[in-house]
Protein backbone atom coordinates (compact mmCIF):
# COMPACT_ATOMS: atom_id res chain seq x y z
CA MET A 1 -152.47 -95.87 -198.15
CA PRO A 2 -154.30 -97.32 -201.19
CA VAL A 3 -155.82 -94.91 -203.66
CA ILE A 4 -159.14 -96.73 -203.71
CA SER A 5 -160.86 -99.35 -201.55
CA VAL A 6 -163.85 -101.48 -202.42
CA VAL A 7 -166.17 -102.61 -199.62
CA ILE A 8 -168.51 -105.51 -200.35
CA PRO A 9 -170.79 -107.38 -197.91
CA VAL A 10 -170.89 -111.08 -198.80
CA TYR A 11 -173.79 -113.44 -198.11
CA LYS A 12 -174.26 -116.81 -199.84
CA ALA A 13 -172.05 -115.71 -202.74
CA GLU A 14 -169.76 -118.71 -203.30
CA ASP A 15 -170.82 -118.97 -206.96
CA CYS A 16 -169.87 -115.44 -207.95
CA LEU A 17 -166.84 -114.47 -205.84
CA GLN A 18 -164.22 -115.64 -208.35
CA GLU A 19 -165.91 -113.75 -211.18
CA LEU A 20 -166.38 -110.72 -208.93
CA TYR A 21 -162.66 -110.70 -208.10
CA LYS A 22 -161.58 -110.95 -211.74
CA ARG A 23 -163.83 -108.11 -212.90
CA LEU A 24 -162.91 -105.94 -209.91
CA VAL A 25 -159.17 -106.25 -210.50
CA LYS A 26 -159.56 -105.51 -214.19
CA SER A 27 -161.67 -102.40 -213.48
CA LEU A 28 -159.66 -101.10 -210.53
CA GLU A 29 -156.35 -101.31 -212.38
CA ILE A 30 -157.74 -98.71 -214.77
CA VAL A 31 -157.89 -96.30 -211.82
CA SER A 32 -154.77 -97.40 -209.95
CA ALA A 33 -152.76 -100.54 -209.20
CA ASP A 34 -152.76 -99.44 -205.54
CA PHE A 35 -156.14 -100.67 -204.32
CA GLU A 36 -157.69 -102.99 -201.75
CA ILE A 37 -160.81 -105.14 -201.79
CA ILE A 38 -162.53 -105.71 -198.45
CA LEU A 39 -165.06 -108.56 -198.45
CA VAL A 40 -167.17 -108.98 -195.30
CA GLU A 41 -168.64 -112.48 -195.01
CA ASP A 42 -171.93 -112.39 -193.09
CA CYS A 43 -172.12 -116.07 -192.12
CA GLY A 44 -174.23 -117.27 -195.00
CA GLY A 45 -173.47 -120.93 -194.25
CA ASP A 46 -171.83 -121.72 -197.60
CA HIS A 47 -168.17 -121.83 -198.71
CA SER A 48 -167.76 -118.10 -199.23
CA TRP A 49 -165.21 -117.74 -196.42
CA GLU A 50 -163.00 -120.51 -197.79
CA ILE A 51 -163.00 -118.80 -201.18
CA LEU A 52 -162.12 -115.47 -199.54
CA LEU A 53 -159.14 -117.14 -197.86
CA GLN A 54 -157.96 -118.48 -201.21
CA LEU A 55 -158.30 -115.07 -202.86
CA SER A 56 -156.44 -113.42 -199.99
CA GLU A 57 -153.58 -115.90 -200.25
CA LYS A 58 -153.42 -115.32 -203.99
CA ASP A 59 -153.65 -111.53 -203.81
CA PRO A 60 -152.73 -109.63 -200.60
CA ARG A 61 -154.87 -106.72 -201.78
CA VAL A 62 -157.91 -108.83 -200.95
CA LYS A 63 -158.90 -108.61 -197.27
CA GLY A 64 -161.56 -110.83 -195.76
CA ILE A 65 -163.61 -110.33 -192.61
CA GLN A 66 -165.98 -112.95 -191.18
CA PHE A 67 -168.65 -112.09 -188.63
CA SER A 68 -169.33 -114.28 -185.60
CA ARG A 69 -172.95 -114.60 -186.77
CA ASN A 70 -175.29 -113.07 -189.32
CA PHE A 71 -175.63 -109.35 -188.58
CA GLY A 72 -177.03 -108.05 -191.87
CA GLN A 73 -175.96 -106.27 -195.03
CA HIS A 74 -175.67 -102.75 -193.63
CA TYR A 75 -173.58 -103.96 -190.71
CA GLY A 76 -171.28 -105.62 -193.23
CA ILE A 77 -170.89 -102.29 -195.00
CA THR A 78 -170.15 -100.66 -191.63
CA ALA A 79 -167.42 -103.21 -190.86
CA GLY A 80 -165.84 -102.70 -194.26
CA LEU A 81 -165.81 -98.92 -193.86
CA ASP A 82 -164.31 -99.31 -190.37
CA HIS A 83 -161.36 -101.28 -191.80
CA CYS A 84 -160.73 -99.62 -195.18
CA ASP A 85 -157.74 -97.35 -195.82
CA GLY A 86 -158.34 -95.92 -199.28
CA ASP A 87 -158.56 -92.25 -200.15
CA TRP A 88 -161.73 -93.17 -202.03
CA VAL A 89 -164.07 -96.02 -201.13
CA VAL A 90 -166.53 -97.82 -203.39
CA VAL A 91 -169.45 -99.65 -201.75
CA MET A 92 -171.28 -102.26 -203.83
CA ASP A 93 -173.15 -105.57 -203.63
CA CYS A 94 -171.58 -108.96 -204.27
CA ASP A 95 -174.11 -110.43 -206.72
CA LEU A 96 -172.66 -108.53 -209.74
CA GLN A 97 -175.86 -106.61 -210.34
CA ASP A 98 -173.62 -103.64 -209.56
CA ARG A 99 -171.14 -103.72 -212.45
CA PRO A 100 -167.47 -103.33 -211.42
CA GLU A 101 -166.86 -101.78 -214.85
CA GLU A 102 -168.68 -98.64 -213.65
CA ILE A 103 -166.06 -97.92 -210.95
CA PRO A 104 -163.72 -95.88 -213.22
CA ARG A 105 -166.69 -93.69 -214.20
CA LEU A 106 -167.63 -93.14 -210.54
CA TYR A 107 -164.04 -92.24 -209.71
CA ALA A 108 -163.75 -89.84 -212.66
CA LYS A 109 -166.95 -88.07 -211.63
CA ALA A 110 -165.71 -87.79 -208.02
CA GLN A 111 -162.57 -86.01 -209.25
CA GLU A 112 -164.78 -83.13 -210.40
CA GLY A 113 -165.14 -82.07 -206.76
CA TYR A 114 -167.79 -84.36 -205.26
CA ASP A 115 -167.47 -86.30 -202.01
CA VAL A 116 -170.26 -88.71 -202.93
CA VAL A 117 -171.11 -90.05 -206.38
CA LEU A 118 -174.16 -92.28 -206.64
CA ALA A 119 -174.73 -95.00 -209.21
CA ARG A 120 -178.27 -94.44 -210.41
CA ARG A 121 -179.90 -97.48 -211.96
CA GLY A 122 -181.80 -96.56 -215.11
CA LYS A 123 -183.67 -99.86 -215.37
CA ARG A 124 -183.63 -102.43 -212.58
CA ASN A 125 -183.25 -106.08 -213.57
CA ASP A 126 -185.32 -107.40 -210.68
CA ILE A 127 -188.64 -109.19 -210.53
CA LEU A 128 -191.75 -107.02 -210.71
CA LEU A 129 -192.74 -107.60 -207.07
CA LYS A 130 -189.33 -106.49 -205.79
CA ARG A 131 -189.44 -103.34 -207.93
CA TRP A 132 -192.91 -102.48 -206.63
CA THR A 133 -192.05 -103.08 -202.97
CA SER A 134 -188.81 -101.13 -203.35
CA TRP A 135 -190.66 -98.21 -204.98
CA PHE A 136 -193.29 -98.20 -202.23
CA PHE A 137 -190.65 -98.34 -199.48
CA TYR A 138 -188.65 -95.40 -200.82
CA LYS A 139 -191.79 -93.31 -201.32
CA LEU A 140 -192.92 -94.06 -197.77
CA PHE A 141 -189.39 -93.52 -196.43
CA SER A 142 -189.11 -90.13 -198.15
CA TYR A 143 -192.50 -89.05 -196.79
CA LEU A 144 -191.91 -90.15 -193.21
CA THR A 145 -188.30 -88.91 -192.96
CA ASP A 146 -188.68 -85.72 -195.05
CA ILE A 147 -185.60 -86.87 -197.02
CA ASN A 148 -185.90 -86.81 -200.80
CA TYR A 149 -184.31 -90.22 -201.30
CA ASP A 150 -183.96 -91.50 -204.86
CA GLY A 151 -185.38 -95.00 -205.12
CA GLN A 152 -183.27 -95.73 -208.21
CA VAL A 153 -180.11 -95.56 -206.08
CA GLY A 154 -178.91 -98.57 -204.08
CA ASN A 155 -175.73 -99.02 -202.08
CA PHE A 156 -173.47 -98.70 -205.14
CA ARG A 157 -171.49 -95.44 -204.87
CA ILE A 158 -168.06 -93.94 -204.26
CA ILE A 159 -167.32 -91.77 -201.21
CA SER A 160 -164.30 -89.76 -200.10
CA ARG A 161 -162.13 -90.33 -197.04
CA LYS A 162 -163.81 -87.46 -195.15
CA VAL A 163 -167.20 -89.10 -195.69
CA VAL A 164 -165.83 -92.40 -194.37
CA GLU A 165 -164.43 -90.70 -191.27
CA SER A 166 -167.77 -88.99 -190.66
CA PHE A 167 -169.63 -92.28 -191.15
CA ARG A 168 -167.46 -93.92 -188.49
CA LEU A 169 -168.69 -91.38 -185.93
CA MET A 170 -172.30 -92.57 -186.25
CA ARG A 171 -172.68 -95.76 -184.23
CA GLU A 172 -176.45 -96.12 -183.84
CA GLN A 173 -177.72 -99.69 -183.79
CA LEU A 174 -180.24 -99.30 -186.62
CA ARG A 175 -178.14 -99.04 -189.78
CA PHE A 176 -179.22 -97.77 -193.18
CA PHE A 177 -176.13 -96.92 -195.19
CA GLY A 178 -177.81 -94.80 -197.85
CA GLY A 179 -179.80 -92.77 -195.33
CA LEU A 180 -176.73 -92.03 -193.21
CA ILE A 181 -174.73 -90.84 -196.22
CA ASP A 182 -177.63 -88.70 -197.45
CA TRP A 183 -178.09 -87.16 -193.99
CA MET A 184 -174.46 -85.92 -193.95
CA GLY A 185 -175.10 -83.51 -196.79
CA PHE A 186 -171.69 -83.67 -198.49
CA PRO A 187 -171.50 -82.51 -202.14
CA THR A 188 -173.19 -85.27 -204.12
CA ALA A 189 -173.56 -86.17 -207.78
CA SER A 190 -174.92 -89.18 -209.63
CA ILE A 191 -174.31 -91.01 -212.87
CA ASP A 192 -176.60 -93.40 -214.72
CA VAL A 193 -175.32 -96.97 -214.76
CA GLN A 194 -176.45 -100.26 -216.20
CA HIS A 195 -178.07 -102.60 -213.70
CA GLU A 196 -177.47 -106.26 -214.52
CA SER A 197 -179.26 -109.45 -213.55
CA ARG A 198 -177.85 -111.55 -210.74
CA PHE A 199 -174.81 -113.57 -211.83
CA LYS A 200 -176.12 -116.71 -210.13
CA GLY A 201 -178.72 -117.67 -207.56
CA LYS A 202 -181.59 -115.54 -206.29
CA SER A 203 -182.08 -112.78 -203.77
CA THR A 204 -182.04 -113.82 -200.10
CA TYR A 205 -184.28 -110.92 -199.11
CA THR A 206 -187.70 -112.38 -198.33
CA PHE A 207 -190.79 -110.20 -197.93
CA GLY A 208 -190.54 -110.60 -194.16
CA LYS A 209 -186.90 -109.45 -194.13
CA LEU A 210 -187.72 -106.49 -196.39
CA TRP A 211 -190.64 -105.48 -194.15
CA LYS A 212 -188.49 -105.72 -191.03
CA LEU A 213 -185.73 -103.65 -192.65
CA ALA A 214 -188.23 -101.06 -193.88
CA SER A 215 -189.99 -100.62 -190.53
CA SER A 216 -186.72 -100.48 -188.57
CA THR A 217 -185.24 -97.97 -191.02
CA ILE A 218 -188.26 -95.66 -190.86
CA ILE A 219 -188.30 -95.75 -187.06
CA ALA A 220 -184.55 -95.11 -186.95
CA TYR A 221 -184.72 -92.01 -189.12
CA SER A 222 -188.01 -90.38 -188.24
CA ASP A 223 -190.43 -89.61 -185.41
CA LYS A 224 -193.15 -88.78 -187.91
CA PRO A 225 -195.21 -91.91 -187.07
CA LEU A 226 -195.59 -90.50 -183.54
CA ARG A 227 -196.65 -87.12 -184.90
CA ILE A 228 -199.11 -88.78 -187.30
CA SER A 229 -200.64 -90.73 -184.39
CA ILE A 230 -201.09 -87.44 -182.48
CA LYS A 231 -202.84 -85.87 -185.47
CA LEU A 232 -205.02 -88.95 -185.88
CA GLY A 233 -206.00 -88.87 -182.20
CA PHE A 234 -206.79 -85.15 -182.37
CA THR A 235 -208.91 -85.65 -185.52
CA ILE A 236 -210.92 -88.45 -183.91
CA SER A 237 -211.47 -86.36 -180.78
CA LEU A 238 -212.61 -83.40 -182.88
CA LEU A 239 -215.06 -85.54 -184.85
CA ALA A 240 -216.38 -87.06 -181.58
CA PHE A 241 -216.84 -83.56 -180.13
CA ILE A 242 -218.78 -82.41 -183.22
CA TYR A 243 -220.90 -85.53 -183.12
CA GLY A 244 -221.59 -84.94 -179.39
CA ILE A 245 -222.86 -81.43 -180.16
CA TYR A 246 -225.09 -82.88 -182.89
CA ILE A 247 -226.57 -85.41 -180.46
CA LEU A 248 -227.19 -82.68 -177.86
CA VAL A 249 -228.93 -80.40 -180.36
CA ARG A 250 -231.01 -83.27 -181.71
CA ALA A 251 -232.04 -84.29 -178.18
CA LEU A 252 -233.12 -80.72 -177.35
CA ILE A 253 -235.22 -80.46 -180.50
CA TYR A 254 -236.66 -83.97 -180.90
CA GLY A 255 -236.15 -85.44 -177.46
CA SER A 256 -233.80 -88.19 -176.29
CA VAL A 257 -234.20 -91.53 -178.01
CA VAL A 258 -232.10 -94.59 -177.07
CA THR A 259 -230.72 -95.75 -180.42
CA GLY A 260 -227.40 -96.59 -182.06
CA TRP A 261 -226.11 -99.52 -180.03
CA SER A 262 -224.39 -101.00 -183.10
CA SER A 263 -222.61 -97.76 -183.96
CA LEU A 264 -221.60 -97.42 -180.30
CA ILE A 265 -219.96 -100.84 -180.23
CA VAL A 266 -218.20 -100.20 -183.54
CA SER A 267 -216.91 -96.87 -182.23
CA ILE A 268 -215.59 -98.48 -179.05
CA TYR A 269 -213.70 -101.14 -180.98
CA PHE A 270 -212.41 -98.57 -183.45
CA LEU A 271 -211.11 -96.26 -180.74
CA GLY A 272 -209.69 -99.23 -178.83
CA GLY A 273 -207.75 -100.29 -181.92
CA ILE A 274 -206.41 -96.76 -182.43
CA ILE A 275 -205.26 -96.62 -178.80
CA ILE A 276 -203.51 -99.98 -179.00
CA TYR A 277 -201.91 -98.96 -182.31
CA ASN A 278 -200.54 -95.74 -180.80
CA LEU A 279 -199.28 -97.57 -177.73
CA GLY A 280 -197.54 -100.05 -180.03
CA ILE A 281 -195.74 -97.26 -181.90
CA ILE A 282 -194.61 -95.73 -178.61
CA GLY A 283 -193.47 -99.16 -177.42
CA ILE A 284 -191.39 -99.72 -180.56
CA TYR A 285 -189.62 -96.38 -180.09
CA LEU A 286 -188.99 -97.19 -176.42
CA GLY A 287 -187.61 -100.60 -177.39
CA LYS A 288 -185.23 -99.08 -179.91
CA SER A 289 -184.12 -96.52 -177.33
CA PHE A 290 -183.46 -99.42 -174.94
CA ASP A 291 -181.31 -101.13 -177.59
CA GLU A 292 -179.31 -97.93 -178.10
CA ALA A 293 -178.82 -97.54 -174.33
CA LYS A 294 -177.12 -100.97 -174.11
CA LYS A 295 -174.14 -99.65 -176.12
CA ARG A 296 -173.40 -103.09 -177.57
CA PRO A 297 -170.91 -103.34 -180.46
CA LEU A 298 -172.46 -103.14 -183.91
CA TYR A 299 -170.82 -106.40 -184.98
CA LEU A 300 -168.37 -109.05 -183.81
CA ILE A 301 -165.56 -110.45 -185.95
CA ARG A 302 -164.80 -114.16 -185.81
CA ASN A 303 -162.00 -114.28 -188.38
CA SER A 304 -160.10 -111.94 -190.65
CA THR A 305 -157.43 -112.62 -193.21
CA GLN A 306 -155.22 -109.93 -191.70
CA SER A 307 -155.26 -111.50 -188.22
CA ILE A 308 -154.53 -114.93 -189.72
CA LYS A 309 -151.53 -113.54 -191.61
CA THR A 310 -150.34 -111.78 -188.50
CA LEU A 311 -150.60 -115.00 -186.50
CA GLN A 312 -148.70 -116.94 -189.17
CA THR A 313 -146.00 -114.28 -189.22
CA TYR A 314 -145.78 -114.43 -185.43
CA LYS A 315 -145.39 -118.22 -185.50
CA THR A 316 -142.72 -117.98 -188.19
CA ASP A 317 -140.83 -115.32 -186.25
CA LYS A 318 -141.12 -117.38 -183.07
CA LYS A 319 -139.62 -120.43 -184.80
CA LEU A 320 -136.84 -118.26 -186.18
CA ILE A 321 -136.11 -116.79 -182.74
CA THR A 322 -136.15 -120.28 -181.18
CA SER A 323 -133.85 -121.62 -183.89
CA ASN A 324 -131.43 -118.72 -183.49
CA SER A 325 -131.43 -119.17 -179.70
CA GLU A 326 -130.68 -122.89 -180.02
CA ASP A 327 -127.85 -122.20 -182.49
CA HIS A 328 -126.47 -119.55 -180.16
CA PHE A 329 -126.69 -121.94 -177.17
CA SER A 330 -124.92 -124.70 -179.12
CA HIS A 331 -122.20 -122.28 -180.18
CA LEU A 332 -121.65 -121.25 -176.56
CA HIS A 333 -121.56 -124.89 -175.44
CA LEU A 334 -119.00 -125.81 -178.08
CA SER A 335 -116.89 -122.78 -177.18
CA GLN A 336 -116.83 -123.88 -173.57
């Protein structure tokens, strides 16, 4: 059993994997020489998998997993946690914005009695738009889920074996690694770390992908949108009731006058939009419940360095057995 494992989802990272490996080994050897690095390639379409194979051949402590198709970053983290063996597990990104040199500090803090130690980014080296959208998402997420989630914390953290085992029990389709860990409630601490710029390339998260991730995450962790729609419907009904009383009183005092066709049409369209909006929210929740009811696997593995090594070992052993059998047969033939 390795002392520490590192789980890293990989997507379009062919330019930084060699540098990532060098800095990881140098940092992990400060903690222990008994470690493993699990890299989960999420079918980015580049040469990342070929590089992972080379690293695995060079260093057996490097384990590679390749998905059958692109499943997403948080599914890559899930696969890595499903296959890691370390007493402590570090989860980080592959673009080197999470500095491997911070791992010894995370491990040292965990030894003080914490099951989770978060790497809190003091200043993010991202573009202004990404910082703004990230800040807005975490504020909205905290409000809708009633979880006080720190927006300065990403996936970079170290967790204990008991946290990993608990994480493996949660198999819902909508994955948000940070939210799941926070929901568990294990003793948690944080340290301030330096957040670097990307080693090479640019982020593959487009605004559309971020919006999809944000909406799916909020729906997965909260039913507050449904409760807000109920409050909104009740408020509109209350205002309509008050306005109806006003019209009745005005008609009794001044008489009935046929006016307000424009306001009537606007009100109809407004209420129609609210109804469709609420039905859409309900439909999204029903759709997600339908996805959960299918019980499909969270991910599918196309290749892994461990299975390849096992197959090569099997072929070698088979040749050895065949060779020994032939030698034994020839020896018997000559004896006869």
